PDB file of N, CA and C in Angstrom:
ATOM      1  N   MET A   1      76.176 112.073  39.670  1.00  0.00           N
ATOM      2  CA  MET A   1      76.033 112.582  41.029  1.00  0.00           C
ATOM      3  C   MET A   1      75.565 114.038  40.977  1.00  0.00           C
ATOM      4  N   ASN A   2      74.701 114.393  41.898  1.00  0.00           N
ATOM      5  CA  ASN A   2      74.209 115.758  42.025  1.00  0.00           C
ATOM      6  C   ASN A   2      75.340 116.651  42.544  1.00  0.00           C
ATOM      7  N   ILE A   3      75.586 117.745  41.864  1.00  0.00           N
ATOM      8  CA  ILE A   3      76.676 118.652  42.233  1.00  0.00           C
ATOM      9  C   ILE A   3      76.498 119.191  43.649  1.00  0.00           C
ATOM     10  N   GLN A   4      75.267 119.544  43.997  1.00  0.00           N
ATOM     11  CA  GLN A   4      75.014 120.091  45.331  1.00  0.00           C
ATOM     12  C   GLN A   4      75.259 119.071  46.432  1.00  0.00           C
ATOM     13  N   GLU A   5      75.111 117.793  46.120  1.00  0.00           N
ATOM     14  CA  GLU A   5      75.334 116.741  47.116  1.00  0.00           C
ATOM     15  C   GLU A   5      76.800 116.347  47.244  1.00  0.00           C
ATOM     16  N   ALA A   6      77.617 116.723  46.274  1.00  0.00           N
ATOM     17  CA  ALA A   6      79.041 116.378  46.313  1.00  0.00           C
ATOM     18  C   ALA A   6      79.714 117.104  47.475  1.00  0.00           C
ATOM     19  N   ALA A   7      80.480 116.362  48.246  1.00  0.00           N
ATOM     20  CA  ALA A   7      81.163 116.934  49.410  1.00  0.00           C
ATOM     21  C   ALA A   7      82.464 117.607  48.982  1.00  0.00           C
ATOM     22  N   LEU A   8      82.707 118.767  49.541  1.00  0.00           N
ATOM     23  CA  LEU A   8      83.970 119.456  49.314  1.00  0.00           C
ATOM     24  C   LEU A   8      85.053 118.752  50.122  1.00  0.00           C
ATOM     25  N   ILE A   9      86.163 118.454  49.487  1.00  0.00           N
ATOM     26  CA  ILE A   9      87.287 117.799  50.154  1.00  0.00           C
ATOM     27  C   ILE A   9      88.408 118.818  50.291  1.00  0.00           C
ATOM     28  N   HIS A  10      88.884 118.991  51.530  1.00  0.00           N
ATOM     29  CA  HIS A  10      90.029 119.881  51.752  1.00  0.00           C
ATOM     30  C   HIS A  10      91.284 119.015  51.687  1.00  0.00           C
ATOM     31  N   ASN A  11      91.966 119.062  50.569  1.00  0.00           N
ATOM     32  CA  ASN A  11      93.190 118.291  50.361  1.00  0.00           C
ATOM     33  C   ASN A  11      94.358 119.168  50.806  1.00  0.00           C
ATOM     34  N   GLU A  12      94.677 119.080  52.090  1.00  0.00           N
ATOM     35  CA  GLU A  12      95.722 119.939  52.653  1.00  0.00           C
ATOM     36  C   GLU A  12      97.092 119.648  52.056  1.00  0.00           C
ATOM     37  N   ALA A  13      97.368 118.402  51.719  1.00  0.00           N
ATOM     38  CA  ALA A  13      98.670 118.026  51.161  1.00  0.00           C
ATOM     39  C   ALA A  13      98.932 118.730  49.829  1.00  0.00           C
ATOM     40  N   LYS A  14      97.881 118.899  49.032  1.00  0.00           N
ATOM     41  CA  LYS A  14      98.014 119.549  47.720  1.00  0.00           C
ATOM     42  C   LYS A  14      97.616 121.024  47.755  1.00  0.00           C
ATOM     43  N   HIS A  15      97.207 121.519  48.909  1.00  0.00           N
ATOM     44  CA  HIS A  15      96.761 122.904  49.082  1.00  0.00           C
ATOM     45  C   HIS A  15      95.645 123.235  48.102  1.00  0.00           C
ATOM     46  N   ARG A  16      94.596 122.417  48.191  1.00  0.00           N
ATOM     47  CA  ARG A  16      93.454 122.696  47.320  1.00  0.00           C
ATOM     48  C   ARG A  16      92.170 122.112  47.904  1.00  0.00           C
ATOM     49  N   PHE A  17      91.065 122.665  47.424  1.00  0.00           N
ATOM     50  CA  PHE A  17      89.733 122.168  47.729  1.00  0.00           C
ATOM     51  C   PHE A  17      89.271 121.425  46.493  1.00  0.00           C
ATOM     52  N   GLU A  18      88.652 120.264  46.681  1.00  0.00           N
ATOM     53  CA  GLU A  18      88.275 119.423  45.551  1.00  0.00           C
ATOM     54  C   GLU A  18      86.807 119.035  45.599  1.00  0.00           C
ATOM     55  N   LEU A  19      86.232 118.881  44.410  1.00  0.00           N
ATOM     56  CA  LEU A  19      84.915 118.274  44.237  1.00  0.00           C
ATOM     57  C   LEU A  19      85.115 117.112  43.278  1.00  0.00           C
ATOM     58  N   HIS A  20      84.704 115.922  43.708  1.00  0.00           N
ATOM     59  CA  HIS A  20      84.804 114.723  42.871  1.00  0.00           C
ATOM     60  C   HIS A  20      83.399 114.409  42.358  1.00  0.00           C
ATOM     61  N   ILE A  21      83.224 114.480  41.045  1.00  0.00           N
ATOM     62  CA  ILE A  21      81.916 114.223  40.439  1.00  0.00           C
ATOM     63  C   ILE A  21      82.101 113.189  39.337  1.00  0.00           C
ATOM     64  N   ASP A  22      81.477 112.041  39.523  1.00  0.00           N
ATOM     65  CA  ASP A  22      81.553 110.945  38.550  1.00  0.00           C
ATOM     66  C   ASP A  22      82.997 110.625  38.158  1.00  0.00           C
ATOM     67  N   GLY A  23      83.882 110.600  39.158  1.00  0.00           N
ATOM     68  CA  GLY A  23      85.276 110.250  38.929  1.00  0.00           C
ATOM     69  C   GLY A  23      86.138 111.367  38.367  1.00  0.00           C
ATOM     70  N   VAL A  24      85.574 112.541  38.189  1.00  0.00           N
ATOM     71  CA  VAL A  24      86.308 113.687  37.650  1.00  0.00           C
ATOM     72  C   VAL A  24      86.516 114.695  38.787  1.00  0.00           C
ATOM     73  N   VAL A  25      87.742 115.216  38.883  1.00  0.00           N
ATOM     74  CA  VAL A  25      88.092 116.114  39.985  1.00  0.00           C
ATOM     75  C   VAL A  25      88.209 117.566  39.510  1.00  0.00           C
ATOM     76  N   SER A  26      87.437 118.430  40.135  1.00  0.00           N
ATOM     77  CA  SER A  26      87.564 119.879  39.970  1.00  0.00           C
ATOM     78  C   SER A  26      88.223 120.389  41.243  1.00  0.00           C
ATOM     79  N   PHE A  27      88.929 121.517  41.144  1.00  0.00           N
ATOM     80  CA  PHE A  27      89.615 121.976  42.352  1.00  0.00           C
ATOM     81  C   PHE A  27      89.855 123.485  42.355  1.00  0.00           C
ATOM     82  N   ILE A  28      90.097 123.984  43.570  1.00  0.00           N
ATOM     83  CA  ILE A  28      90.498 125.366  43.808  1.00  0.00           C
ATOM     84  C   ILE A  28      91.841 125.293  44.518  1.00  0.00           C
ATOM     85  N   GLU A  29      92.877 125.839  43.883  1.00  0.00           N
ATOM     86  CA  GLU A  29      94.206 125.837  44.492  1.00  0.00           C
ATOM     87  C   GLU A  29      94.374 127.078  45.365  1.00  0.00           C
ATOM     88  N   TYR A  30      95.063 126.884  46.487  1.00  0.00           N
ATOM     89  CA  TYR A  30      95.334 128.007  47.367  1.00  0.00           C
ATOM     90  C   TYR A  30      96.755 127.928  47.907  1.00  0.00           C
ATOM     91  N   LYS A  31      97.216 129.049  48.433  1.00  0.00           N
ATOM     92  CA  LYS A  31      98.513 129.105  49.094  1.00  0.00           C
ATOM     93  C   LYS A  31      98.279 129.613  50.506  1.00  0.00           C
ATOM     94  N   PRO A  32      98.698 128.848  51.521  1.00  0.00           N
ATOM     95  CA  PRO A  32      98.512 129.325  52.892  1.00  0.00           C
ATOM     96  C   PRO A  32      99.474 130.466  53.215  1.00  0.00           C
ATOM     97  N   VAL A  33      98.970 131.471  53.905  1.00  0.00           N
ATOM     98  CA  VAL A  33      99.796 132.576  54.384  1.00  0.00           C
ATOM     99  C   VAL A  33     100.125 132.326  55.849  1.00  0.00           C
ATOM    100  N   ASN A  34      99.101 131.964  56.609  1.00  0.00           N
ATOM    101  CA  ASN A  34      99.262 131.561  58.005  1.00  0.00           C
ATOM    102  C   ASN A  34      98.090 130.633  58.343  1.00  0.00           C
ATOM    103  N   GLU A  35      97.871 130.355  59.609  1.00  0.00           N
ATOM    104  CA  GLU A  35      96.840 129.368  59.969  1.00  0.00           C
ATOM    105  C   GLU A  35      95.412 129.831  59.721  1.00  0.00           C
ATOM    106  N   SER A  36      95.223 131.119  59.438  1.00  0.00           N
ATOM    107  CA  SER A  36      93.852 131.595  59.203  1.00  0.00           C
ATOM    108  C   SER A  36      93.702 132.471  57.965  1.00  0.00           C
ATOM    109  N   LEU A  37      94.709 132.466  57.088  1.00  0.00           N
ATOM    110  CA  LEU A  37      94.652 133.276  55.872  1.00  0.00           C
ATOM    111  C   LEU A  37      95.213 132.471  54.703  1.00  0.00           C
ATOM    112  N   ILE A  38      94.424 132.414  53.611  1.00  0.00           N
ATOM    113  CA  ILE A  38      94.877 131.704  52.412  1.00  0.00           C
ATOM    114  C   ILE A  38      94.681 132.597  51.184  1.00  0.00           C
ATOM    115  N   ILE A  39      95.540 132.389  50.201  1.00  0.00           N
ATOM    116  CA  ILE A  39      95.426 133.078  48.920  1.00  0.00           C
ATOM    117  C   ILE A  39      94.786 132.102  47.937  1.00  0.00           C
ATOM    118  N   ILE A  40      93.644 132.460  47.385  1.00  0.00           N
ATOM    119  CA  ILE A  40      92.978 131.631  46.389  1.00  0.00           C
ATOM    120  C   ILE A  40      93.620 131.954  45.038  1.00  0.00           C
ATOM    121  N   GLU A  41      94.300 130.952  44.455  1.00  0.00           N
ATOM    122  CA  GLU A  41      95.099 131.204  43.260  1.00  0.00           C
ATOM    123  C   GLU A  41      94.442 130.781  41.948  1.00  0.00           C
ATOM    124  N   HIS A  42      93.706 129.670  41.956  1.00  0.00           N
ATOM    125  CA  HIS A  42      93.242 129.126  40.676  1.00  0.00           C
ATOM    126  C   HIS A  42      92.053 128.192  40.892  1.00  0.00           C
ATOM    127  N   THR A  43      91.094 128.265  39.988  1.00  0.00           N
ATOM    128  CA  THR A  43      89.966 127.332  39.973  1.00  0.00           C
ATOM    129  C   THR A  43      90.031 126.544  38.677  1.00  0.00           C
ATOM    130  N   GLU A  44      89.885 125.230  38.780  1.00  0.00           N
ATOM    131  CA  GLU A  44      89.992 124.353  37.607  1.00  0.00           C
ATOM    132  C   GLU A  44      88.784 123.429  37.533  1.00  0.00           C
ATOM    133  N   VAL A  45      88.041 123.527  36.434  1.00  0.00           N
ATOM    134  CA  VAL A  45      86.926 122.619  36.164  1.00  0.00           C
ATOM    135  C   VAL A  45      87.240 121.920  34.839  1.00  0.00           C
ATOM    136  N   PRO A  46      87.435 120.600  34.861  1.00  0.00           N
ATOM    137  CA  PRO A  46      87.731 119.878  33.618  1.00  0.00           C
ATOM    138  C   PRO A  46      86.619 120.060  32.580  1.00  0.00           C
ATOM    139  N   SER A  47      87.013 119.992  31.317  1.00  0.00           N
ATOM    140  CA  SER A  47      86.083 120.279  30.218  1.00  0.00           C
ATOM    141  C   SER A  47      84.811 119.439  30.265  1.00  0.00           C
ATOM    142  N   GLU A  48      84.905 118.193  30.732  1.00  0.00           N
ATOM    143  CA  GLU A  48      83.708 117.349  30.761  1.00  0.00           C
ATOM    144  C   GLU A  48      82.675 117.793  31.800  1.00  0.00           C
ATOM    145  N   LEU A  49      83.069 118.705  32.697  1.00  0.00           N
ATOM    146  CA  LEU A  49      82.129 119.216  33.704  1.00  0.00           C
ATOM    147  C   LEU A  49      81.757 120.680  33.483  1.00  0.00           C
ATOM    148  N   GLU A  50      82.340 121.304  32.476  1.00  0.00           N
ATOM    149  CA  GLU A  50      82.057 122.722  32.221  1.00  0.00           C
ATOM    150  C   GLU A  50      80.586 122.944  31.888  1.00  0.00           C
ATOM    151  N   GLY A  51      80.092 124.120  32.264  1.00  0.00           N
ATOM    152  CA  GLY A  51      78.726 124.504  31.927  1.00  0.00           C
ATOM    153  C   GLY A  51      77.655 123.847  32.769  1.00  0.00           C
ATOM    154  N   GLN A  52      78.047 123.181  33.857  1.00  0.00           N
ATOM    155  CA  GLN A  52      77.087 122.488  34.720  1.00  0.00           C
ATOM    156  C   GLN A  52      76.971 123.126  36.107  1.00  0.00           C
ATOM    157  N   GLY A  53      77.643 124.255  36.305  1.00  0.00           N
ATOM    158  CA  GLY A  53      77.583 124.932  37.603  1.00  0.00           C
ATOM    159  C   GLY A  53      78.555 124.378  38.623  1.00  0.00           C
ATOM    160  N   VAL A  54      79.522 123.579  38.182  1.00  0.00           N
ATOM    161  CA  VAL A  54      80.477 122.966  39.106  1.00  0.00           C
ATOM    162  C   VAL A  54      81.363 124.025  39.762  1.00  0.00           C
ATOM    163  N   GLY A  55      81.885 124.951  38.974  1.00  0.00           N
ATOM    164  CA  GLY A  55      82.743 125.998  39.525  1.00  0.00           C
ATOM    165  C   GLY A  55      82.015 126.827  40.567  1.00  0.00           C
ATOM    166  N   LYS A  56      80.810 127.229  40.250  1.00  0.00           N
ATOM    167  CA  LYS A  56      79.990 128.025  41.176  1.00  0.00           C
ATOM    168  C   LYS A  56      79.746 127.258  42.472  1.00  0.00           C
ATOM    169  N   ALA A  57      79.339 125.998  42.348  1.00  0.00           N
ATOM    170  CA  ALA A  57      79.069 125.174  43.534  1.00  0.00           C
ATOM    171  C   ALA A  57      80.327 124.994  44.372  1.00  0.00           C
ATOM    172  N   MET A  58      81.451 124.788  43.707  1.00  0.00           N
ATOM    173  CA  MET A  58      82.708 124.572  44.416  1.00  0.00           C
ATOM    174  C   MET A  58      83.129 125.831  45.174  1.00  0.00           C
ATOM    175  N   VAL A  59      83.005 126.994  44.549  1.00  0.00           N
ATOM    176  CA  VAL A  59      83.341 128.251  45.219  1.00  0.00           C
ATOM    177  C   VAL A  59      82.417 128.480  46.410  1.00  0.00           C
ATOM    178  N   GLU A  60      81.124 128.237  46.239  1.00  0.00           N
ATOM    179  CA  GLU A  60      80.178 128.398  47.353  1.00  0.00           C
ATOM    180  C   GLU A  60      80.548 127.499  48.525  1.00  0.00           C
ATOM    181  N   LYS A  61      80.853 126.244  48.238  1.00  0.00           N
ATOM    182  CA  LYS A  61      81.221 125.292  49.296  1.00  0.00           C
ATOM    183  C   LYS A  61      82.532 125.700  49.956  1.00  0.00           C
ATOM    184  N   MET A  62      83.491 126.182  49.179  1.00  0.00           N
ATOM    185  CA  MET A  62      84.770 126.628  49.725  1.00  0.00           C
ATOM    186  C   MET A  62      84.567 127.834  50.635  1.00  0.00           C
ATOM    187  N   LEU A  63      83.744 128.784  50.222  1.00  0.00           N
ATOM    188  CA  LEU A  63      83.492 129.967  51.038  1.00  0.00           C
ATOM    189  C   LEU A  63      82.813 129.596  52.354  1.00  0.00           C
ATOM    190  N   LYS A  64      81.875 128.672  52.314  1.00  0.00           N
ATOM    191  CA  LYS A  64      81.223 128.209  53.554  1.00  0.00           C
ATOM    192  C   LYS A  64      82.227 127.534  54.473  1.00  0.00           C
ATOM    193  N   TYR A  65      83.135 126.749  53.891  1.00  0.00           N
ATOM    194  CA  TYR A  65      84.174 126.078  54.675  1.00  0.00           C
ATOM    195  C   TYR A  65      85.090 127.110  55.332  1.00  0.00           C
ATOM    196  N   VAL A  66      85.547 128.078  54.543  1.00  0.00           N
ATOM    197  CA  VAL A  66      86.423 129.134  55.044  1.00  0.00           C
ATOM    198  C   VAL A  66      85.742 129.883  56.189  1.00  0.00           C
ATOM    199  N   GLU A  67      84.488 130.220  56.006  1.00  0.00           N
ATOM    200  CA  GLU A  67      83.739 130.929  57.047  1.00  0.00           C
ATOM    201  C   GLU A  67      83.622 130.084  58.314  1.00  0.00           C
ATOM    202  N   SER A  68      83.365 128.798  58.156  1.00  0.00           N
ATOM    203  CA  SER A  68      83.210 127.914  59.325  1.00  0.00           C
ATOM    204  C   SER A  68      84.506 127.791  60.133  1.00  0.00           C
ATOM    205  N   LYS A  69      85.644 128.003  59.471  1.00  0.00           N
ATOM    206  CA  LYS A  69      86.953 127.926  60.137  1.00  0.00           C
ATOM    207  C   LYS A  69      87.426 129.290  60.642  1.00  0.00           C
ATOM    208  N   ASN A  70      86.633 130.338  60.376  1.00  0.00           N
ATOM    209  CA  ASN A  70      87.002 131.717  60.713  1.00  0.00           C
ATOM    210  C   ASN A  70      88.291 132.150  60.021  1.00  0.00           C
ATOM    211  N   TRP A  71      88.462 131.687  58.791  1.00  0.00           N
ATOM    212  CA  TRP A  71      89.609 132.073  57.976  1.00  0.00           C
ATOM    213  C   TRP A  71      89.243 133.296  57.148  1.00  0.00           C
ATOM    214  N   LYS A  72      90.252 133.894  56.549  1.00  0.00           N
ATOM    215  CA  LYS A  72      90.083 134.955  55.563  1.00  0.00           C
ATOM    216  C   LYS A  72      90.788 134.511  54.287  1.00  0.00           C
ATOM    217  N   ILE A  73      90.353 135.081  53.160  1.00  0.00           N
ATOM    218  CA  ILE A  73      90.974 134.749  51.879  1.00  0.00           C
ATOM    219  C   ILE A  73      91.423 136.009  51.159  1.00  0.00           C
ATOM    220  N   ILE A  74      92.402 135.834  50.295  1.00  0.00           N
ATOM    221  CA  ILE A  74      92.804 136.848  49.331  1.00  0.00           C
ATOM    222  C   ILE A  74      92.493 136.223  47.971  1.00  0.00           C
ATOM    223  N   PRO A  75      91.410 136.647  47.324  1.00  0.00           N
ATOM    224  CA  PRO A  75      90.966 135.991  46.084  1.00  0.00           C
ATOM    225  C   PRO A  75      91.681 136.506  44.835  1.00  0.00           C
ATOM    226  N   LEU A  76      92.842 135.950  44.525  1.00  0.00           N
ATOM    227  CA  LEU A  76      93.563 136.328  43.308  1.00  0.00           C
ATOM    228  C   LEU A  76      92.998 135.634  42.081  1.00  0.00           C
ATOM    229  N   CYS A  77      92.331 134.509  42.275  1.00  0.00           N
ATOM    230  CA  CYS A  77      91.701 133.779  41.172  1.00  0.00           C
ATOM    231  C   CYS A  77      90.558 134.618  40.603  1.00  0.00           C
ATOM    232  N   PRO A  78      90.581 134.908  39.301  1.00  0.00           N
ATOM    233  CA  PRO A  78      89.520 135.728  38.698  1.00  0.00           C
ATOM    234  C   PRO A  78      88.116 135.142  38.870  1.00  0.00           C
ATOM    235  N   PHE A  79      87.984 133.816  38.792  1.00  0.00           N
ATOM    236  CA  PHE A  79      86.668 133.197  38.924  1.00  0.00           C
ATOM    237  C   PHE A  79      86.108 133.419  40.332  1.00  0.00           C
ATOM    238  N   THR A  80      86.932 133.176  41.342  1.00  0.00           N
ATOM    239  CA  THR A  80      86.494 133.362  42.729  1.00  0.00           C
ATOM    240  C   THR A  80      86.227 134.834  43.017  1.00  0.00           C
ATOM    241  N   SER A  81      87.107 135.699  42.564  1.00  0.00           N
ATOM    242  CA  SER A  81      86.939 137.130  42.779  1.00  0.00           C
ATOM    243  C   SER A  81      85.643 137.632  42.143  1.00  0.00           C
ATOM    244  N   SER A  82      85.366 137.188  40.935  1.00  0.00           N
ATOM    245  CA  SER A  82      84.149 137.573  40.232  1.00  0.00           C
ATOM    246  C   SER A  82      82.906 137.082  40.981  1.00  0.00           C
ATOM    247  N   TYR A  83      82.978 135.858  41.502  1.00  0.00           N
ATOM    248  CA  TYR A  83      81.850 135.307  42.255  1.00  0.00           C
ATOM    249  C   TYR A  83      81.566 136.186  43.476  1.00  0.00           C
ATOM    250  N   ILE A  84      82.612 136.556  44.199  1.00  0.00           N
ATOM    251  CA  ILE A  84      82.439 137.377  45.404  1.00  0.00           C
ATOM    252  C   ILE A  84      81.887 138.753  45.043  1.00  0.00           C
ATOM    253  N   GLN A  85      82.314 139.324  43.924  1.00  0.00           N
ATOM    254  CA  GLN A  85      81.793 140.622  43.494  1.00  0.00           C
ATOM    255  C   GLN A  85      80.298 140.547  43.180  1.00  0.00           C
ATOM    256  N   ARG A  86      79.845 139.391  42.674  1.00  0.00           N
ATOM    257  CA  ARG A  86      78.417 139.203  42.361  1.00  0.00           C
ATOM    258  C   ARG A  86      77.603 138.799  43.593  1.00  0.00           C
ATOM    259  N   HIS A  87      78.260 138.291  44.612  1.00  0.00           N
ATOM    260  CA  HIS A  87      77.593 137.847  45.847  1.00  0.00           C
ATOM    261  C   HIS A  87      78.288 138.548  47.015  1.00  0.00           C
ATOM    262  N   ILE A  88      78.017 139.824  47.137  1.00  0.00           N
ATOM    263  CA  ILE A  88      78.758 140.711  48.037  1.00  0.00           C
ATOM    264  C   ILE A  88      78.698 140.280  49.504  1.00  0.00           C
ATOM    265  N   ASP A  89      77.705 139.459  49.874  1.00  0.00           N
ATOM    266  CA  ASP A  89      77.637 138.982  51.255  1.00  0.00           C
ATOM    267  C   ASP A  89      78.869 138.156  51.624  1.00  0.00           C
ATOM    268  N   TRP A  90      79.568 137.594  50.629  1.00  0.00           N
ATOM    269  CA  TRP A  90      80.783 136.810  50.890  1.00  0.00           C
ATOM    270  C   TRP A  90      82.008 137.692  51.064  1.00  0.00           C
ATOM    271  N   ASP A  91      81.865 138.986  50.878  1.00  0.00           N
ATOM    272  CA  ASP A  91      82.983 139.899  51.091  1.00  0.00           C
ATOM    273  C   ASP A  91      83.483 139.802  52.541  1.00  0.00           C
ATOM    274  N   LYS A  92      82.650 139.294  53.425  1.00  0.00           N
ATOM    275  CA  LYS A  92      83.015 139.178  54.842  1.00  0.00           C
ATOM    276  C   LYS A  92      84.196 138.241  55.081  1.00  0.00           C
ATOM    277  N   VAL A  93      84.498 137.356  54.142  1.00  0.00           N
ATOM    278  CA  VAL A  93      85.636 136.438  54.325  1.00  0.00           C
ATOM    279  C   VAL A  93      86.891 136.934  53.594  1.00  0.00           C
ATOM    280  N   VAL A  94      86.794 138.081  52.926  1.00  0.00           N
ATOM    281  CA  VAL A  94      87.933 138.623  52.187  1.00  0.00           C
ATOM    282  C   VAL A  94      88.808 139.443  53.134  1.00  0.00           C
ATOM    283  N   TYR A  95      90.095 139.149  53.086  1.00  0.00           N
ATOM    284  CA  TYR A  95      91.060 139.852  53.923  1.00  0.00           C
ATOM    285  C   TYR A  95      91.251 141.266  53.404  1.00  0.00           C
ATOM    286  N   ARG A  96      91.175 142.205  54.303  1.00  0.00           N
ATOM    287  CA  ARG A  96      91.361 143.635  53.967  1.00  0.00           C
ATOM    288  C   ARG A  96      92.500 144.181  54.812  1.00  0.00           C
ATOM    289  N   VAL A  97      93.410 144.905  54.187  1.00  0.00           N
ATOM    290  CA  VAL A  97      94.490 145.553  54.918  1.00  0.00           C
ATOM    291  C   VAL A  97      93.931 146.842  55.494  1.00  0.00           C
ATOM    292  N   MET A  98      94.144 147.014  56.776  1.00  0.00           N
ATOM    293  CA  MET A  98      93.679 148.241  57.436  1.00  0.00           C
ATOM    294  C   MET A  98      94.641 149.374  57.124  1.00  0.00           C
ATOM    295  N   ARG A  99      94.102 150.550  56.886  1.00  0.00           N
ATOM    296  CA  ARG A  99      94.951 151.714  56.582  1.00  0.00           C
ATOM    297  C   ARG A  99      94.849 152.726  57.674  1.00  0.00           C
TER     298      ARG A  99
END
């Protein structure tokens, strides 16, 4: 299956976003803070899918989903945080504490 065509699944019961590719599940775990703020804790890509751009595609799809819901994120996951630092336009979905 084409990674770009794979649909992002919001598995609310497990608090994660999933991509199912050829029967293998990659996911981004999060912790809800409230109805519009989540903490991104961990990204997991199984070894059989590594090096194929699955993590990148999954983060992109998750960020688009978050934006469509008008949510904010706190990216504690190093992979997600690094992606946002390289694609600064996504900083708009990062929660910032006002001082």
